[in-house]
């Protein structure tokens, strides 16, 4: 997500959160990184849409 900037630390190292069943192939495609995996059945009202990979801040 090159156009997104973290509102907390201003880093551009931001990813969109992913939700749903994570399969082995998907984990491999992301290099085994789970920072931006939000779980299988999140509450749509409160789940974050983005995560900063620099500071870990999550936001809608």
PDB file of N, CA and C in Angstrom:
ATOM      1  N   UNK A   1       0.846  -1.173   0.000  1.00  0.00           N
ATOM      2  CA  UNK A   1       0.000   0.000   0.000  1.00  0.00           C
ATOM      3  C   UNK A   1       0.894   1.239   0.000  1.00  0.00           C
ATOM      4  N   UNK A   2       1.350   1.598  -1.122  1.00  0.00           N
ATOM      5  CA  UNK A   2       2.295   2.707  -1.238  1.00  0.00           C
ATOM      6  C   UNK A   2       1.665   4.068  -0.980  1.00  0.00           C
ATOM      7  N   UNK A   3       0.341   4.199  -1.145  1.00  0.00           N
ATOM      8  CA  UNK A   3      -0.306   5.492  -0.957  1.00  0.00           C
ATOM      9  C   UNK A   3      -0.770   5.731   0.474  1.00  0.00           C
ATOM     10  N   UNK A   4      -0.718   4.717   1.315  1.00  0.00           N
ATOM     11  CA  UNK A   4      -1.148   4.852   2.709  1.00  0.00           C
ATOM     12  C   UNK A   4       0.039   5.228   3.587  1.00  0.00           C
ATOM     13  N   UNK A   5      -0.245   6.048   4.591  1.00  0.00           N
ATOM     14  CA  UNK A   5       0.758   6.477   5.560  1.00  0.00           C
ATOM     15  C   UNK A   5       0.198   6.221   6.952  1.00  0.00           C
ATOM     16  N   UNK A   6       1.022   5.679   7.825  1.00  0.00           N
ATOM     17  CA  UNK A   6       0.587   5.413   9.197  1.00  0.00           C
ATOM     18  C   UNK A   6       0.275   6.733   9.898  1.00  0.00           C
ATOM     19  N   UNK A   7      -0.926   6.848  10.490  1.00  0.00           N
ATOM     20  CA  UNK A   7      -1.280   8.080  11.199  1.00  0.00           C
ATOM     21  C   UNK A   7      -0.495   8.268  12.494  1.00  0.00           C
ATOM     22  N   UNK A   8       0.133   7.215  12.985  1.00  0.00           N
ATOM     23  CA  UNK A   8       0.879   7.310  14.243  1.00  0.00           C
ATOM     24  C   UNK A   8       2.345   7.680  14.023  1.00  0.00           C
ATOM     25  N   UNK A   9       3.051   6.926  13.153  1.00  0.00           N
ATOM     26  CA  UNK A   9       4.496   7.153  12.990  1.00  0.00           C
ATOM     27  C   UNK A   9       4.877   7.719  11.620  1.00  0.00           C
ATOM     28  N   UNK A  10       3.876   7.868  10.735  1.00  0.00           N
ATOM     29  CA  UNK A  10       4.063   8.434   9.388  1.00  0.00           C
ATOM     30  C   UNK A  10       4.855   7.539   8.442  1.00  0.00           C
ATOM     31  N   UNK A  11       5.038   6.276   8.789  1.00  0.00           N
ATOM     32  CA  UNK A  11       5.731   5.334   7.918  1.00  0.00           C
ATOM     33  C   UNK A  11       4.841   4.986   6.726  1.00  0.00           C
ATOM     34  N   UNK A  12       5.473   4.669   5.617  1.00  0.00           N
ATOM     35  CA  UNK A  12       4.737   4.220   4.431  1.00  0.00           C
ATOM     36  C   UNK A  12       4.748   2.696   4.318  1.00  0.00           C
ATOM     37  N   UNK A  13       5.278   2.027   5.338  1.00  0.00           N
ATOM     38  CA  UNK A  13       5.336   0.561   5.363  1.00  0.00           C
ATOM     39  C   UNK A  13       4.021   0.043   5.936  1.00  0.00           C
ATOM     40  N   UNK A  14       2.949   0.173   5.140  1.00  0.00           N
ATOM     41  CA  UNK A  14       1.585  -0.119   5.561  1.00  0.00           C
ATOM     42  C   UNK A  14       1.012  -1.232   4.684  1.00  0.00           C
ATOM     43  N   UNK A  15       0.264  -2.121   5.297  1.00  0.00           N
ATOM     44  CA  UNK A  15      -0.413  -3.194   4.567  1.00  0.00           C
ATOM     45  C   UNK A  15      -1.884  -3.201   4.928  1.00  0.00           C
ATOM     46  N   UNK A  16      -2.699  -3.659   3.990  1.00  0.00           N
ATOM     47  CA  UNK A  16      -4.118  -3.843   4.254  1.00  0.00           C
ATOM     48  C   UNK A  16      -4.282  -5.135   5.044  1.00  0.00           C
ATOM     49  N   UNK A  17      -5.117  -5.103   6.081  1.00  0.00           N
ATOM     50  CA  UNK A  17      -5.371  -6.299   6.882  1.00  0.00           C
ATOM     51  C   UNK A  17      -6.121  -7.314   6.031  1.00  0.00           C
ATOM     52  N   UNK A  18      -5.838  -8.586   6.267  1.00  0.00           N
ATOM     53  CA  UNK A  18      -6.509  -9.671   5.559  1.00  0.00           C
ATOM     54  C   UNK A  18      -7.308 -10.481   6.556  1.00  0.00           C
ATOM     55  N   UNK A  19      -8.480 -10.923   6.135  1.00  0.00           N
ATOM     56  CA  UNK A  19      -9.353 -11.719   6.986  1.00  0.00           C
ATOM     57  C   UNK A  19      -9.814 -12.949   6.223  1.00  0.00           C
ATOM     58  N   UNK A  20     -10.137 -13.997   6.957  1.00  0.00           N
ATOM     59  CA  UNK A  20     -10.626 -15.228   6.354  1.00  0.00           C
ATOM     60  C   UNK A  20      -9.724 -16.394   6.728  1.00  0.00           C
ATOM     61  N   UNK A  21     -10.038 -17.546   6.196  1.00  0.00           N
ATOM     62  CA  UNK A  21      -9.260 -18.749   6.466  1.00  0.00           C
ATOM     63  C   UNK A  21      -7.913 -18.646   5.763  1.00  0.00           C
ATOM     64  N   UNK A  22      -6.829 -18.743   6.510  1.00  0.00           N
ATOM     65  CA  UNK A  22      -5.480 -18.638   5.936  1.00  0.00           C
ATOM     66  C   UNK A  22      -4.982 -20.037   5.605  1.00  0.00           C
ATOM     67  N   UNK A  23      -4.701 -20.261   4.364  1.00  0.00           N
ATOM     68  CA  UNK A  23      -4.190 -21.542   3.906  1.00  0.00           C
ATOM     69  C   UNK A  23      -2.669 -21.514   3.831  1.00  0.00           C
ATOM     70  N   UNK A  24      -2.064 -22.674   3.855  1.00  0.00           N
ATOM     71  CA  UNK A  24      -0.613 -22.802   3.821  1.00  0.00           C
ATOM     72  C   UNK A  24      -0.009 -22.045   2.641  1.00  0.00           C
ATOM     73  N   UNK A  25      -0.628 -22.145   1.465  1.00  0.00           N
ATOM     74  CA  UNK A  25      -0.117 -21.477   0.279  1.00  0.00           C
ATOM     75  C   UNK A  25      -0.120 -19.962   0.454  1.00  0.00           C
ATOM     76  N   UNK A  26      -1.162 -19.454   1.099  1.00  0.00           N
ATOM     77  CA  UNK A  26      -1.244 -18.010   1.337  1.00  0.00           C
ATOM     78  C   UNK A  26      -0.153 -17.572   2.301  1.00  0.00           C
ATOM     79  N   UNK A  27       0.104 -18.371   3.334  1.00  0.00           N
ATOM     80  CA  UNK A  27       1.177 -18.048   4.279  1.00  0.00           C
ATOM     81  C   UNK A  27       2.525 -18.000   3.560  1.00  0.00           C
ATOM     82  N   UNK A  28       2.750 -18.957   2.687  1.00  0.00           N
ATOM     83  CA  UNK A  28       4.000 -18.971   1.926  1.00  0.00           C
ATOM     84  C   UNK A  28       4.105 -17.758   1.014  1.00  0.00           C
ATOM     85  N   UNK A  29       3.006 -17.367   0.395  1.00  0.00           N
ATOM     86  CA  UNK A  29       3.002 -16.220  -0.510  1.00  0.00           C
ATOM     87  C   UNK A  29       3.369 -14.936   0.221  1.00  0.00           C
ATOM     88  N   UNK A  30       3.033 -14.862   1.503  1.00  0.00           N
ATOM     89  CA  UNK A  30       3.360 -13.682   2.295  1.00  0.00           C
ATOM     90  C   UNK A  30       4.661 -13.854   3.061  1.00  0.00           C
ATOM     91  N   UNK A  31       5.425 -14.862   2.707  1.00  0.00           N
ATOM     92  CA  UNK A  31       6.717 -15.070   3.350  1.00  0.00           C
ATOM     93  C   UNK A  31       6.590 -15.507   4.797  1.00  0.00           C
ATOM     94  N   UNK A  32       5.460 -16.095   5.166  1.00  0.00           N
ATOM     95  CA  UNK A  32       5.261 -16.546   6.539  1.00  0.00           C
ATOM     96  C   UNK A  32       4.952 -15.420   7.498  1.00  0.00           C
ATOM     97  N   UNK A  33       4.827 -14.200   6.982  1.00  0.00           N
ATOM     98  CA  UNK A  33       4.543 -13.042   7.827  1.00  0.00           C
ATOM     99  C   UNK A  33       3.070 -13.012   8.181  1.00  0.00           C
ATOM    100  N   UNK A  34       2.755 -12.883   9.464  1.00  0.00           N
ATOM    101  CA  UNK A  34       1.367 -12.871   9.905  1.00  0.00           C
ATOM    102  C   UNK A  34       0.959 -11.535  10.494  1.00  0.00           C
ATOM    103  N   UNK A  35       1.774 -10.499  10.326  1.00  0.00           N
ATOM    104  CA  UNK A  35       1.467  -9.208  10.938  1.00  0.00           C
ATOM    105  C   UNK A  35       0.122  -8.653  10.502  1.00  0.00           C
ATOM    106  N   UNK A  36      -0.233  -8.872   9.243  1.00  0.00           N
ATOM    107  CA  UNK A  36      -1.453  -8.256   8.749  1.00  0.00           C
ATOM    108  C   UNK A  36      -2.582  -9.251   8.535  1.00  0.00           C
ATOM    109  N   UNK A  37      -2.523 -10.397   9.245  1.00  0.00           N
ATOM    110  CA  UNK A  37      -3.614 -11.357   9.205  1.00  0.00           C
ATOM    111  C   UNK A  37      -4.511 -11.124  10.408  1.00  0.00           C
ATOM    112  N   UNK A  38      -5.778 -10.780  10.158  1.00  0.00           N
ATOM    113  CA  UNK A  38      -6.684 -10.393  11.227  1.00  0.00           C
ATOM    114  C   UNK A  38      -7.566 -11.477  11.799  1.00  0.00           C
ATOM    115  N   UNK A  39      -7.495 -12.706  11.315  1.00  0.00           N
ATOM    116  CA  UNK A  39      -8.310 -13.781  11.856  1.00  0.00           C
ATOM    117  C   UNK A  39      -9.370 -14.259  10.889  1.00  0.00           C
ATOM    118  N   UNK A  40     -10.146 -15.234  11.328  1.00  0.00           N
ATOM    119  CA  UNK A  40     -11.118 -15.887  10.443  1.00  0.00           C
ATOM    120  C   UNK A  40     -12.470 -15.190  10.384  1.00  0.00           C
ATOM    121  N   UNK A  41     -12.984 -14.765  11.512  1.00  0.00           N
ATOM    122  CA  UNK A  41     -14.326 -14.195  11.510  1.00  0.00           C
ATOM    123  C   UNK A  41     -14.367 -12.935  12.372  1.00  0.00           C
ATOM    124  N   UNK A  42     -13.827 -11.854  11.855  1.00  0.00           N
ATOM    125  CA  UNK A  42     -13.779 -10.617  12.632  1.00  0.00           C
ATOM    126  C   UNK A  42     -15.133  -9.902  12.672  1.00  0.00           C
ATOM    127  N   UNK A  43     -15.282  -9.032  13.603  1.00  0.00           N
ATOM    128  CA  UNK A  43     -16.447  -8.162  13.687  1.00  0.00           C
ATOM    129  C   UNK A  43     -16.213  -7.013  12.699  1.00  0.00           C
ATOM    130  N   UNK A  44     -17.019  -6.938  11.662  1.00  0.00           N
ATOM    131  CA  UNK A  44     -16.841  -5.922  10.618  1.00  0.00           C
ATOM    132  C   UNK A  44     -16.850  -4.493  11.150  1.00  0.00           C
ATOM    133  N   UNK A  45     -17.556  -4.261  12.232  1.00  0.00           N
ATOM    134  CA  UNK A  45     -17.668  -2.910  12.779  1.00  0.00           C
ATOM    135  C   UNK A  45     -16.388  -2.425  13.447  1.00  0.00           C
ATOM    136  N   UNK A  46     -15.640  -3.327  14.063  1.00  0.00           N
ATOM    137  CA  UNK A  46     -14.483  -2.903  14.846  1.00  0.00           C
ATOM    138  C   UNK A  46     -13.141  -3.341  14.276  1.00  0.00           C
ATOM    139  N   UNK A  47     -13.141  -4.177  13.266  1.00  0.00           N
ATOM    140  CA  UNK A  47     -11.870  -4.684  12.754  1.00  0.00           C
ATOM    141  C   UNK A  47     -11.066  -3.576  12.067  1.00  0.00           C
ATOM    142  N   UNK A  48      -9.755  -3.597  12.243  1.00  0.00           N
ATOM    143  CA  UNK A  48      -8.926  -2.601  11.563  1.00  0.00           C
ATOM    144  C   UNK A  48      -8.782  -2.956  10.084  1.00  0.00           C
ATOM    145  N   UNK A  49      -8.628  -1.946   9.254  1.00  0.00           N
ATOM    146  CA  UNK A  49      -8.453  -2.156   7.819  1.00  0.00           C
ATOM    147  C   UNK A  49      -6.986  -2.155   7.414  1.00  0.00           C
ATOM    148  N   UNK A  50      -6.146  -1.471   8.202  1.00  0.00           N
ATOM    149  CA  UNK A  50      -4.738  -1.334   7.858  1.00  0.00           C
ATOM    150  C   UNK A  50      -3.853  -1.561   9.074  1.00  0.00           C
ATOM    151  N   UNK A  51      -2.590  -1.942   8.817  1.00  0.00           N
ATOM    152  CA  UNK A  51      -1.597  -2.096   9.871  1.00  0.00           C
ATOM    153  C   UNK A  51      -0.283  -1.502   9.398  1.00  0.00           C
ATOM    154  N   UNK A  52       0.407  -0.824  10.291  1.00  0.00           N
ATOM    155  CA  UNK A  52       1.739  -0.296  10.009  1.00  0.00           C
ATOM    156  C   UNK A  52       2.744  -1.378  10.399  1.00  0.00           C
ATOM    157  N   UNK A  53       3.560  -1.787   9.453  1.00  0.00           N
ATOM    158  CA  UNK A  53       4.548  -2.823   9.736  1.00  0.00           C
ATOM    159  C   UNK A  53       5.755  -2.265  10.470  1.00  0.00           C
ATOM    160  N   UNK A  54       5.855  -0.948  10.573  1.00  0.00           N
ATOM    161  CA  UNK A  54       6.959  -0.328  11.312  1.00  0.00           C
ATOM    162  C   UNK A  54       6.683  -0.260  12.810  1.00  0.00           C
ATOM    163  N   UNK A  55       5.481   0.230  13.172  1.00  0.00           N
ATOM    164  CA  UNK A  55       5.188   0.412  14.601  1.00  0.00           C
ATOM    165  C   UNK A  55       4.092  -0.521  15.119  1.00  0.00           C
ATOM    166  N   UNK A  56       3.366  -1.203  14.218  1.00  0.00           N
ATOM    167  CA  UNK A  56       2.321  -2.124  14.641  1.00  0.00           C
ATOM    168  C   UNK A  56       0.959  -1.497  14.866  1.00  0.00           C
ATOM    169  N   UNK A  57       0.828  -0.213  14.610  1.00  0.00           N
ATOM    170  CA  UNK A  57      -0.449   0.478  14.802  1.00  0.00           C
ATOM    171  C   UNK A  57      -1.473  -0.029  13.796  1.00  0.00           C
ATOM    172  N   UNK A  58      -2.711  -0.274  14.248  1.00  0.00           N
ATOM    173  CA  UNK A  58      -3.795  -0.728  13.404  1.00  0.00           C
ATOM    174  C   UNK A  58      -4.893   0.322  13.415  1.00  0.00           C
ATOM    175  N   UNK A  59      -5.505   0.557  12.241  1.00  0.00           N
ATOM    176  CA  UNK A  59      -6.581   1.545  12.167  1.00  0.00           C
ATOM    177  C   UNK A  59      -7.587   1.190  11.090  1.00  0.00           C
ATOM    178  N   UNK A  60      -8.740   1.858  11.147  1.00  0.00           N
ATOM    179  CA  UNK A  60      -9.845   1.652  10.219  1.00  0.00           C
ATOM    180  C   UNK A  60      -9.704   2.538   9.017  1.00  0.00           C
TER     181      UNK A  60
END
